[in-house]
């Protein structure tokens, strides 16, 4: 259970409260809190890409890691989107991409949960990996918005692209899931 990939996965969840504290502290004008939050975010994002690779390369795939990794990713991104909304970085129409991303994550998770007992998996597509990368880069820009110029515009643009990819990949997963459900009836 305590393999390096699983430790990286658990660390992503453990970083969330620290990032929240950084958001609270940055509200007082502490620029260093924004940079600390960004650094933690970058580390967590890198571990998101490394943990699966490491598990496969060094034969450290575990049931616990298979269960926790996709959940930790959704918890991490979902909490960060909520923090960005809560602290005013995403407001008004800028919240629409965040809502689209959240809806897709719940939908795909529910689909996987439903299909799992039937030994049917929805493998991650290359486009979904691009969606994740775009989403992660956009969130990084949005974290540093208060202290760097033009990052809000870049972050929101990339988040909108991620949301569009989210719709495309989510529809692909939903269509595949519905096809399987039709066969079950």
N, C-alpha and C. Protein backbone atom coordinates (compact mmCIF):
# COMPACT_ATOMS: atom_id res chain seq x y z
N UNK A 1 0.81 -1.19 0.00
CA UNK A 1 0.00 0.00 0.00
C UNK A 1 0.86 1.26 0.00
N UNK A 2 1.98 1.24 0.69
CA UNK A 2 2.81 2.44 0.79
C UNK A 2 3.93 2.39 -0.25
N UNK A 3 3.52 2.29 -1.51
CA UNK A 3 4.48 2.37 -2.60
C UNK A 3 4.72 3.85 -2.91
N UNK A 4 5.77 4.13 -3.63
CA UNK A 4 6.07 5.52 -4.00
C UNK A 4 4.92 6.14 -4.78
N UNK A 5 4.35 5.45 -5.78
CA UNK A 5 3.22 6.07 -6.49
C UNK A 5 2.03 6.36 -5.56
N UNK A 6 1.73 5.46 -4.64
CA UNK A 6 0.62 5.69 -3.71
C UNK A 6 0.90 6.84 -2.76
N UNK A 7 2.15 6.98 -2.35
CA UNK A 7 2.52 8.10 -1.48
C UNK A 7 2.34 9.42 -2.24
N UNK A 8 2.74 9.43 -3.53
CA UNK A 8 2.54 10.64 -4.34
C UNK A 8 1.05 10.96 -4.46
N UNK A 9 0.24 9.95 -4.66
CA UNK A 9 -1.20 10.14 -4.79
C UNK A 9 -1.79 10.70 -3.50
N UNK A 10 -1.40 10.13 -2.36
CA UNK A 10 -1.90 10.61 -1.07
C UNK A 10 -1.41 12.03 -0.78
N UNK A 11 -0.19 12.32 -1.22
CA UNK A 11 0.36 13.66 -1.00
C UNK A 11 -0.45 14.73 -1.74
N UNK A 12 -0.98 14.39 -2.93
CA UNK A 12 -1.82 15.35 -3.66
C UNK A 12 -3.03 15.75 -2.83
N UNK A 13 -3.61 14.80 -2.15
CA UNK A 13 -4.76 15.11 -1.30
C UNK A 13 -4.32 15.90 -0.07
N UNK A 14 -3.19 15.53 0.50
CA UNK A 14 -2.68 16.20 1.70
C UNK A 14 -2.28 17.65 1.43
N UNK A 15 -1.93 17.96 0.21
CA UNK A 15 -1.51 19.33 -0.15
C UNK A 15 -2.70 20.30 -0.17
N UNK A 16 -3.89 19.79 -0.39
CA UNK A 16 -5.07 20.66 -0.56
C UNK A 16 -5.28 21.60 0.63
N UNK A 17 -5.27 21.12 1.88
CA UNK A 17 -5.47 22.08 2.99
C UNK A 17 -4.37 23.14 3.07
N UNK A 18 -3.15 22.76 2.72
CA UNK A 18 -2.05 23.73 2.74
C UNK A 18 -2.27 24.79 1.67
N UNK A 19 -2.73 24.36 0.51
CA UNK A 19 -3.03 25.33 -0.55
C UNK A 19 -4.17 26.25 -0.13
N UNK A 20 -5.16 25.71 0.56
CA UNK A 20 -6.28 26.53 1.04
C UNK A 20 -5.76 27.58 2.02
N UNK A 21 -4.87 27.19 2.91
CA UNK A 21 -4.28 28.15 3.85
C UNK A 21 -3.53 29.24 3.08
N UNK A 22 -2.83 28.84 2.02
CA UNK A 22 -2.13 29.84 1.18
C UNK A 22 -3.12 30.82 0.60
N UNK A 23 -4.26 30.34 0.12
CA UNK A 23 -5.30 31.23 -0.40
C UNK A 23 -5.77 32.19 0.69
N UNK A 24 -5.97 31.68 1.88
CA UNK A 24 -6.41 32.54 2.99
C UNK A 24 -5.37 33.61 3.31
N UNK A 25 -4.11 33.19 3.37
CA UNK A 25 -3.03 34.12 3.72
C UNK A 25 -2.81 35.13 2.61
N UNK A 26 -2.92 34.70 1.35
CA UNK A 26 -2.70 35.63 0.24
C UNK A 26 -3.76 36.72 0.24
N UNK A 27 -4.92 36.46 0.80
CA UNK A 27 -5.96 37.48 0.89
C UNK A 27 -5.53 38.66 1.75
N UNK A 28 -4.52 38.44 2.59
CA UNK A 28 -3.98 39.52 3.42
C UNK A 28 -2.89 40.29 2.68
N UNK A 29 -2.61 39.87 1.44
CA UNK A 29 -1.61 40.58 0.65
C UNK A 29 -0.24 39.92 0.65
N UNK A 30 -0.13 38.72 1.18
CA UNK A 30 1.16 38.02 1.24
C UNK A 30 1.47 37.35 -0.10
N UNK A 31 2.32 38.01 -0.88
CA UNK A 31 2.69 37.49 -2.19
C UNK A 31 3.39 36.14 -2.10
N UNK A 32 4.15 35.95 -1.02
CA UNK A 32 4.87 34.68 -0.86
C UNK A 32 3.90 33.50 -0.73
N UNK A 33 2.72 33.73 -0.19
CA UNK A 33 1.72 32.66 -0.07
C UNK A 33 1.25 32.21 -1.45
N UNK A 34 1.14 33.15 -2.38
CA UNK A 34 0.73 32.80 -3.75
C UNK A 34 1.80 31.94 -4.40
N UNK A 35 3.05 32.33 -4.23
CA UNK A 35 4.14 31.55 -4.83
C UNK A 35 4.25 30.17 -4.19
N UNK A 36 4.04 30.09 -2.87
CA UNK A 36 4.07 28.79 -2.20
C UNK A 36 2.93 27.92 -2.72
N UNK A 37 1.75 28.49 -2.85
CA UNK A 37 0.60 27.76 -3.38
C UNK A 37 0.90 27.26 -4.80
N UNK A 38 1.48 28.11 -5.61
CA UNK A 38 1.82 27.74 -6.98
C UNK A 38 2.86 26.61 -6.99
N UNK A 39 3.88 26.72 -6.15
CA UNK A 39 4.91 25.68 -6.07
C UNK A 39 4.31 24.34 -5.66
N UNK A 40 3.44 24.37 -4.66
CA UNK A 40 2.77 23.13 -4.24
C UNK A 40 1.91 22.57 -5.37
N UNK A 41 1.25 23.46 -6.08
CA UNK A 41 0.42 23.03 -7.20
C UNK A 41 1.26 22.36 -8.29
N UNK A 42 2.39 22.96 -8.62
CA UNK A 42 3.27 22.39 -9.65
C UNK A 42 3.75 21.01 -9.21
N UNK A 43 4.18 20.90 -7.96
CA UNK A 43 4.63 19.60 -7.45
C UNK A 43 3.51 18.56 -7.55
N UNK A 44 2.31 18.94 -7.11
CA UNK A 44 1.18 18.01 -7.15
C UNK A 44 0.85 17.63 -8.60
N UNK A 45 0.91 18.58 -9.50
CA UNK A 45 0.60 18.30 -10.92
C UNK A 45 1.63 17.35 -11.52
N UNK A 46 2.88 17.56 -11.18
CA UNK A 46 3.94 16.68 -11.69
C UNK A 46 3.74 15.27 -11.15
N UNK A 47 3.42 15.15 -9.87
CA UNK A 47 3.21 13.80 -9.31
C UNK A 47 2.02 13.11 -9.96
N UNK A 48 1.05 13.90 -10.43
CA UNK A 48 -0.11 13.31 -11.11
C UNK A 48 0.33 12.59 -12.38
N UNK A 49 1.32 13.12 -13.06
CA UNK A 49 1.81 12.48 -14.27
C UNK A 49 2.82 11.37 -13.96
N UNK A 50 3.59 11.55 -12.89
CA UNK A 50 4.65 10.59 -12.59
C UNK A 50 4.13 9.32 -11.92
N UNK A 51 3.14 9.42 -11.05
CA UNK A 51 2.77 8.25 -10.24
C UNK A 51 2.33 7.05 -11.07
N UNK A 52 1.52 7.28 -12.09
CA UNK A 52 1.09 6.16 -12.93
C UNK A 52 2.23 5.55 -13.72
N UNK A 53 3.08 6.43 -14.26
CA UNK A 53 4.25 5.95 -15.01
C UNK A 53 5.14 5.11 -14.10
N UNK A 54 5.39 5.61 -12.89
CA UNK A 54 6.25 4.92 -11.94
C UNK A 54 5.66 3.55 -11.58
N UNK A 55 4.36 3.54 -11.31
CA UNK A 55 3.70 2.28 -10.93
C UNK A 55 3.82 1.24 -12.03
N UNK A 56 3.65 1.66 -13.29
CA UNK A 56 3.77 0.72 -14.40
C UNK A 56 5.22 0.29 -14.61
N UNK A 57 6.13 1.25 -14.61
CA UNK A 57 7.54 0.96 -14.90
C UNK A 57 8.17 0.04 -13.85
N UNK A 58 7.85 0.28 -12.57
CA UNK A 58 8.48 -0.48 -11.49
C UNK A 58 7.54 -1.52 -10.88
N UNK A 59 6.51 -1.88 -11.64
CA UNK A 59 5.58 -2.92 -11.24
C UNK A 59 5.04 -2.68 -9.82
N UNK A 60 4.59 -1.46 -9.57
CA UNK A 60 4.04 -1.10 -8.27
C UNK A 60 2.56 -0.75 -8.35
N UNK A 61 1.87 -1.35 -9.31
CA UNK A 61 0.43 -1.13 -9.44
C UNK A 61 -0.26 -1.90 -8.31
N UNK A 62 -1.06 -1.19 -7.53
CA UNK A 62 -1.78 -1.82 -6.43
C UNK A 62 -3.27 -1.53 -6.56
N UNK A 63 -4.06 -2.35 -5.90
CA UNK A 63 -5.51 -2.11 -5.89
C UNK A 63 -5.80 -0.76 -5.26
N UNK A 64 -5.09 -0.43 -4.17
CA UNK A 64 -5.29 0.84 -3.49
C UNK A 64 -4.98 2.01 -4.43
N UNK A 65 -3.88 1.93 -5.15
CA UNK A 65 -3.50 3.00 -6.08
C UNK A 65 -4.48 3.11 -7.25
N UNK A 66 -4.92 1.97 -7.76
CA UNK A 66 -5.90 1.97 -8.85
C UNK A 66 -7.20 2.64 -8.40
N UNK A 67 -7.57 2.42 -7.15
CA UNK A 67 -8.77 3.04 -6.59
C UNK A 67 -8.55 4.53 -6.32
N UNK A 68 -7.43 4.87 -5.66
CA UNK A 68 -7.24 6.22 -5.15
C UNK A 68 -6.79 7.24 -6.19
N UNK A 69 -5.98 6.83 -7.16
CA UNK A 69 -5.41 7.81 -8.09
C UNK A 69 -6.47 8.63 -8.83
N UNK A 70 -7.44 7.99 -9.48
CA UNK A 70 -8.43 8.83 -10.19
C UNK A 70 -9.27 9.68 -9.24
N UNK A 71 -9.52 9.17 -8.05
CA UNK A 71 -10.30 9.93 -7.08
C UNK A 71 -9.50 11.13 -6.58
N UNK A 72 -8.21 10.92 -6.32
CA UNK A 72 -7.39 12.03 -5.81
C UNK A 72 -7.28 13.14 -6.85
N UNK A 73 -7.22 12.76 -8.12
CA UNK A 73 -7.15 13.76 -9.19
C UNK A 73 -8.42 14.62 -9.19
N UNK A 74 -9.55 13.97 -9.06
CA UNK A 74 -10.82 14.69 -9.07
C UNK A 74 -10.98 15.55 -7.82
N UNK A 75 -10.56 15.02 -6.68
CA UNK A 75 -10.61 15.80 -5.43
C UNK A 75 -9.71 17.03 -5.57
N UNK A 76 -8.51 16.82 -6.07
CA UNK A 76 -7.53 17.90 -6.19
C UNK A 76 -8.05 19.01 -7.11
N UNK A 77 -8.47 18.63 -8.31
CA UNK A 77 -8.95 19.63 -9.27
C UNK A 77 -10.25 20.28 -8.77
N UNK A 78 -11.18 19.46 -8.26
CA UNK A 78 -12.44 20.00 -7.76
C UNK A 78 -12.25 21.00 -6.64
N UNK A 79 -11.40 20.65 -5.68
CA UNK A 79 -11.14 21.58 -4.56
C UNK A 79 -10.49 22.86 -5.05
N UNK A 80 -9.57 22.74 -5.98
CA UNK A 80 -8.90 23.94 -6.49
C UNK A 80 -9.89 24.82 -7.26
N UNK A 81 -10.75 24.23 -8.05
CA UNK A 81 -11.77 25.03 -8.75
C UNK A 81 -12.67 25.74 -7.74
N UNK A 82 -13.06 25.05 -6.69
CA UNK A 82 -13.89 25.67 -5.65
C UNK A 82 -13.14 26.82 -4.99
N UNK A 83 -11.86 26.63 -4.71
CA UNK A 83 -11.07 27.71 -4.10
C UNK A 83 -10.98 28.91 -5.05
N UNK A 84 -10.77 28.65 -6.33
CA UNK A 84 -10.67 29.75 -7.30
C UNK A 84 -11.98 30.53 -7.38
N UNK A 85 -13.10 29.82 -7.30
CA UNK A 85 -14.40 30.50 -7.29
C UNK A 85 -14.58 31.24 -5.96
N UNK A 86 -14.29 30.56 -4.87
CA UNK A 86 -14.49 31.15 -3.54
C UNK A 86 -13.65 32.39 -3.28
N UNK A 87 -12.49 32.45 -3.89
CA UNK A 87 -11.61 33.59 -3.68
C UNK A 87 -11.66 34.58 -4.86
N UNK A 88 -12.69 34.45 -5.68
CA UNK A 88 -12.96 35.45 -6.71
C UNK A 88 -12.14 35.40 -7.97
N UNK A 89 -11.37 34.34 -8.18
CA UNK A 89 -10.59 34.25 -9.42
C UNK A 89 -11.45 33.80 -10.59
N UNK A 90 -12.49 33.06 -10.28
CA UNK A 90 -13.46 32.65 -11.29
C UNK A 90 -14.81 33.14 -10.83
N UNK A 91 -15.38 34.09 -11.57
CA UNK A 91 -16.71 34.58 -11.21
C UNK A 91 -17.51 34.83 -12.48
N UNK A 92 -18.80 35.01 -12.31
CA UNK A 92 -19.66 35.25 -13.46
C UNK A 92 -19.56 34.14 -14.49
N UNK A 93 -19.46 34.54 -15.75
CA UNK A 93 -19.38 33.56 -16.84
C UNK A 93 -18.11 32.72 -16.80
N UNK A 94 -17.09 33.21 -16.12
CA UNK A 94 -15.83 32.47 -16.01
C UNK A 94 -16.01 31.18 -15.20
N UNK A 95 -17.13 31.07 -14.47
CA UNK A 95 -17.39 29.85 -13.71
C UNK A 95 -17.92 28.72 -14.60
N UNK A 96 -18.39 29.04 -15.79
CA UNK A 96 -18.99 28.01 -16.65
C UNK A 96 -18.00 26.90 -16.99
N UNK A 97 -16.76 27.20 -17.41
CA UNK A 97 -15.83 26.09 -17.67
C UNK A 97 -15.58 25.22 -16.43
N UNK A 98 -15.52 25.85 -15.25
CA UNK A 98 -15.33 25.08 -14.02
C UNK A 98 -16.52 24.15 -13.78
N UNK A 99 -17.72 24.64 -14.01
CA UNK A 99 -18.92 23.82 -13.83
C UNK A 99 -18.93 22.66 -14.82
N UNK A 100 -18.56 22.93 -16.06
CA UNK A 100 -18.51 21.87 -17.08
C UNK A 100 -17.52 20.79 -16.65
N UNK A 101 -16.36 21.21 -16.19
CA UNK A 101 -15.34 20.24 -15.76
C UNK A 101 -15.84 19.41 -14.59
N UNK A 102 -16.47 20.06 -13.61
CA UNK A 102 -16.98 19.33 -12.44
C UNK A 102 -18.07 18.33 -12.85
N UNK A 103 -18.99 18.74 -13.70
CA UNK A 103 -20.07 17.85 -14.13
C UNK A 103 -19.49 16.62 -14.84
N UNK A 104 -18.55 16.84 -15.73
CA UNK A 104 -17.94 15.73 -16.46
C UNK A 104 -17.24 14.77 -15.51
N UNK A 105 -16.54 15.29 -14.52
CA UNK A 105 -15.83 14.42 -13.58
C UNK A 105 -16.80 13.52 -12.82
N UNK A 106 -17.92 14.09 -12.37
CA UNK A 106 -18.93 13.27 -11.68
C UNK A 106 -19.54 12.25 -12.63
N UNK A 107 -19.84 12.68 -13.84
CA UNK A 107 -20.46 11.80 -14.82
C UNK A 107 -19.57 10.61 -15.15
N UNK A 108 -18.32 10.88 -15.48
CA UNK A 108 -17.40 9.80 -15.85
C UNK A 108 -17.13 8.89 -14.65
N UNK A 109 -17.00 9.46 -13.46
CA UNK A 109 -16.79 8.64 -12.26
C UNK A 109 -17.98 7.72 -12.02
N UNK A 110 -19.18 8.27 -12.16
CA UNK A 110 -20.38 7.46 -11.98
C UNK A 110 -20.47 6.35 -13.02
N UNK A 111 -20.12 6.68 -14.24
CA UNK A 111 -20.13 5.68 -15.31
C UNK A 111 -19.15 4.56 -15.00
N UNK A 112 -17.96 4.92 -14.60
CA UNK A 112 -16.95 3.90 -14.28
C UNK A 112 -17.40 3.05 -13.09
N UNK A 113 -18.01 3.69 -12.11
CA UNK A 113 -18.49 2.96 -10.94
C UNK A 113 -19.59 1.98 -11.34
N UNK A 114 -20.48 2.41 -12.22
CA UNK A 114 -21.57 1.54 -12.67
C UNK A 114 -21.04 0.38 -13.51
N UNK A 115 -20.11 0.66 -14.42
CA UNK A 115 -19.63 -0.36 -15.34
C UNK A 115 -18.61 -1.30 -14.72
N UNK A 116 -17.92 -0.85 -13.67
CA UNK A 116 -16.88 -1.65 -13.03
C UNK A 116 -17.31 -3.05 -12.62
N UNK A 117 -18.43 -3.19 -11.90
CA UNK A 117 -18.87 -4.54 -11.50
C UNK A 117 -19.19 -5.47 -12.67
N UNK A 118 -19.37 -4.88 -13.85
CA UNK A 118 -19.66 -5.67 -15.04
C UNK A 118 -18.37 -5.96 -15.83
N UNK A 119 -17.22 -5.69 -15.20
CA UNK A 119 -15.91 -5.89 -15.82
C UNK A 119 -15.74 -5.10 -17.12
N UNK A 120 -16.34 -3.92 -17.15
CA UNK A 120 -16.22 -3.05 -18.31
C UNK A 120 -15.48 -1.79 -17.88
N UNK A 121 -14.40 -1.50 -18.57
CA UNK A 121 -13.60 -0.32 -18.23
C UNK A 121 -13.71 0.72 -19.34
N UNK A 122 -13.60 1.96 -18.94
CA UNK A 122 -13.53 3.06 -19.90
C UNK A 122 -12.09 3.57 -19.86
N UNK A 123 -11.27 3.13 -20.78
CA UNK A 123 -9.86 3.54 -20.75
C UNK A 123 -9.72 5.04 -21.04
N UNK A 124 -8.69 5.63 -20.46
CA UNK A 124 -8.41 7.04 -20.67
C UNK A 124 -7.90 7.23 -22.10
N UNK A 125 -8.48 8.18 -22.80
CA UNK A 125 -8.08 8.44 -24.19
C UNK A 125 -6.94 9.47 -24.22
N UNK A 126 -6.28 9.54 -25.37
CA UNK A 126 -5.22 10.54 -25.53
C UNK A 126 -5.79 11.95 -25.42
N UNK A 127 -6.98 12.15 -25.97
CA UNK A 127 -7.61 13.47 -25.90
C UNK A 127 -7.91 13.83 -24.44
N UNK A 128 -8.30 12.85 -23.65
CA UNK A 128 -8.56 13.11 -22.23
C UNK A 128 -7.26 13.50 -21.51
N UNK A 129 -6.15 12.92 -21.93
CA UNK A 129 -4.86 13.31 -21.34
C UNK A 129 -4.51 14.75 -21.72
N UNK A 130 -4.82 15.14 -22.95
CA UNK A 130 -4.60 16.53 -23.37
C UNK A 130 -5.50 17.47 -22.58
N UNK A 131 -6.72 17.02 -22.34
CA UNK A 131 -7.66 17.82 -21.54
C UNK A 131 -7.08 18.05 -20.16
N UNK A 132 -6.56 17.00 -19.56
CA UNK A 132 -5.99 17.11 -18.22
C UNK A 132 -4.79 18.05 -18.22
N UNK A 133 -3.92 17.92 -19.20
CA UNK A 133 -2.74 18.78 -19.26
C UNK A 133 -3.15 20.25 -19.43
N UNK A 134 -4.09 20.51 -20.32
CA UNK A 134 -4.56 21.89 -20.53
C UNK A 134 -5.20 22.44 -19.26
N UNK A 135 -6.00 21.61 -18.63
CA UNK A 135 -6.66 22.01 -17.39
C UNK A 135 -5.63 22.33 -16.30
N UNK A 136 -4.62 21.49 -16.16
CA UNK A 136 -3.60 21.70 -15.13
C UNK A 136 -2.81 22.99 -15.39
N UNK A 137 -2.46 23.23 -16.63
CA UNK A 137 -1.71 24.45 -16.96
C UNK A 137 -2.58 25.68 -16.68
N UNK A 138 -3.85 25.60 -17.06
CA UNK A 138 -4.75 26.75 -16.84
C UNK A 138 -4.88 27.06 -15.35
N UNK A 139 -5.02 26.04 -14.54
CA UNK A 139 -5.17 26.27 -13.09
C UNK A 139 -3.92 26.90 -12.50
N UNK A 140 -2.76 26.50 -12.99
CA UNK A 140 -1.52 27.12 -12.54
C UNK A 140 -1.51 28.62 -12.82
N UNK A 141 -1.93 29.00 -14.02
CA UNK A 141 -2.01 30.42 -14.35
C UNK A 141 -3.00 31.14 -13.44
N UNK A 142 -4.12 30.50 -13.16
CA UNK A 142 -5.15 31.15 -12.33
C UNK A 142 -4.70 31.31 -10.88
N UNK A 143 -3.84 30.44 -10.40
CA UNK A 143 -3.32 30.58 -9.03
C UNK A 143 -2.50 31.86 -8.89
N UNK A 144 -1.67 32.16 -9.90
CA UNK A 144 -0.77 33.32 -9.78
C UNK A 144 -1.37 34.61 -10.33
N UNK A 145 -2.65 34.58 -10.68
CA UNK A 145 -3.33 35.76 -11.24
C UNK A 145 -3.15 37.04 -10.42
N UNK A 146 -3.22 37.01 -9.09
CA UNK A 146 -3.13 38.27 -8.35
C UNK A 146 -1.78 39.00 -8.45
N UNK A 147 -0.73 38.28 -8.86
CA UNK A 147 0.59 38.92 -8.81
C UNK A 147 1.31 38.98 -10.15
N UNK A 148 0.71 38.45 -11.20
CA UNK A 148 1.37 38.47 -12.50
C UNK A 148 0.39 38.95 -13.57
N UNK A 149 0.85 39.79 -14.47
CA UNK A 149 -0.06 40.32 -15.50
C UNK A 149 -0.44 39.26 -16.54
N UNK A 150 -1.62 39.41 -17.06
CA UNK A 150 -2.16 38.61 -18.15
C UNK A 150 -2.41 37.14 -17.83
N UNK A 151 -2.10 36.70 -16.62
CA UNK A 151 -2.31 35.29 -16.31
C UNK A 151 -3.78 34.94 -16.18
N UNK A 152 -4.61 35.91 -15.80
CA UNK A 152 -6.05 35.65 -15.72
C UNK A 152 -6.58 35.33 -17.11
N UNK A 153 -6.19 36.13 -18.08
CA UNK A 153 -6.66 35.93 -19.45
C UNK A 153 -6.16 34.60 -20.01
N UNK A 154 -4.88 34.31 -19.77
CA UNK A 154 -4.31 33.05 -20.26
C UNK A 154 -4.99 31.87 -19.56
N UNK A 155 -5.10 31.96 -18.24
CA UNK A 155 -5.71 30.88 -17.47
C UNK A 155 -7.15 30.63 -17.87
N UNK A 156 -7.93 31.71 -18.05
CA UNK A 156 -9.33 31.54 -18.44
C UNK A 156 -9.46 30.99 -19.86
N UNK A 157 -8.59 31.43 -20.75
CA UNK A 157 -8.61 30.90 -22.12
C UNK A 157 -8.30 29.41 -22.14
N UNK A 158 -7.26 29.02 -21.41
CA UNK A 158 -6.90 27.61 -21.35
C UNK A 158 -7.97 26.78 -20.64
N UNK A 159 -8.59 27.36 -19.61
CA UNK A 159 -9.66 26.65 -18.91
C UNK A 159 -10.86 26.44 -19.84
N UNK A 160 -11.12 27.41 -20.69
CA UNK A 160 -12.21 27.27 -21.68
C UNK A 160 -11.88 26.17 -22.69
N UNK A 161 -10.63 26.11 -23.12
CA UNK A 161 -10.21 25.04 -24.02
C UNK A 161 -10.35 23.69 -23.32
N UNK A 162 -9.92 23.63 -22.06
CA UNK A 162 -10.05 22.39 -21.29
C UNK A 162 -11.52 22.00 -21.15
N UNK A 163 -12.39 22.98 -20.95
CA UNK A 163 -13.82 22.69 -20.83
C UNK A 163 -14.36 22.14 -22.15
N UNK A 164 -13.92 22.69 -23.27
CA UNK A 164 -14.36 22.18 -24.58
C UNK A 164 -13.89 20.73 -24.76
N UNK A 165 -12.64 20.47 -24.41
CA UNK A 165 -12.13 19.09 -24.49
C UNK A 165 -12.87 18.19 -23.51
N UNK A 166 -13.27 18.75 -22.39
CA UNK A 166 -14.04 18.02 -21.39
C UNK A 166 -15.37 17.56 -21.96
N UNK A 167 -16.04 18.44 -22.69
CA UNK A 167 -17.32 18.09 -23.32
C UNK A 167 -17.11 16.98 -24.35
N UNK A 168 -16.08 17.13 -25.17
CA UNK A 168 -15.82 16.14 -26.21
C UNK A 168 -15.50 14.77 -25.60
N UNK A 169 -14.57 14.75 -24.65
CA UNK A 169 -14.19 13.46 -24.05
C UNK A 169 -15.33 12.90 -23.19
N UNK A 170 -16.03 13.77 -22.48
CA UNK A 170 -17.15 13.31 -21.66
C UNK A 170 -18.23 12.68 -22.52
N UNK A 171 -18.52 13.30 -23.68
CA UNK A 171 -19.51 12.74 -24.58
C UNK A 171 -19.05 11.37 -25.10
N UNK A 172 -17.77 11.25 -25.41
CA UNK A 172 -17.23 9.96 -25.86
C UNK A 172 -17.41 8.88 -24.81
N UNK A 173 -17.09 9.20 -23.56
CA UNK A 173 -17.27 8.23 -22.48
C UNK A 173 -18.75 7.90 -22.28
N UNK A 174 -19.59 8.92 -22.29
CA UNK A 174 -21.02 8.71 -22.09
C UNK A 174 -21.60 7.84 -23.20
N UNK A 175 -21.23 8.12 -24.43
CA UNK A 175 -21.72 7.33 -25.57
C UNK A 175 -21.30 5.87 -25.43
N UNK A 176 -20.03 5.64 -25.06
CA UNK A 176 -19.55 4.27 -24.87
C UNK A 176 -20.31 3.58 -23.73
N UNK A 177 -20.53 4.31 -22.65
CA UNK A 177 -21.26 3.75 -21.51
C UNK A 177 -22.70 3.44 -21.86
N UNK A 178 -23.35 4.34 -22.60
CA UNK A 178 -24.74 4.10 -22.99
C UNK A 178 -24.86 2.91 -23.93
N UNK A 179 -23.88 2.73 -24.82
CA UNK A 179 -23.88 1.56 -25.70
C UNK A 179 -23.83 0.27 -24.90
N UNK A 180 -23.00 0.27 -23.88
CA UNK A 180 -22.89 -0.92 -23.02
C UNK A 180 -24.20 -1.14 -22.27
N UNK A 181 -24.81 -0.06 -21.74
CA UNK A 181 -26.06 -0.18 -21.01
C UNK A 181 -27.20 -0.71 -21.89
N UNK A 182 -27.23 -0.30 -23.15
CA UNK A 182 -28.26 -0.80 -24.07
C UNK A 182 -28.15 -2.30 -24.23
N UNK A 183 -26.91 -2.80 -24.28
CA UNK A 183 -26.69 -4.24 -24.43
C UNK A 183 -27.10 -5.00 -23.16
N UNK A 184 -27.08 -4.31 -22.02
CA UNK A 184 -27.44 -4.96 -20.77
C UNK A 184 -28.95 -5.15 -20.62
N UNK A 185 -29.72 -4.30 -21.31
CA UNK A 185 -31.18 -4.38 -21.19
C UNK A 185 -31.76 -5.56 -21.91
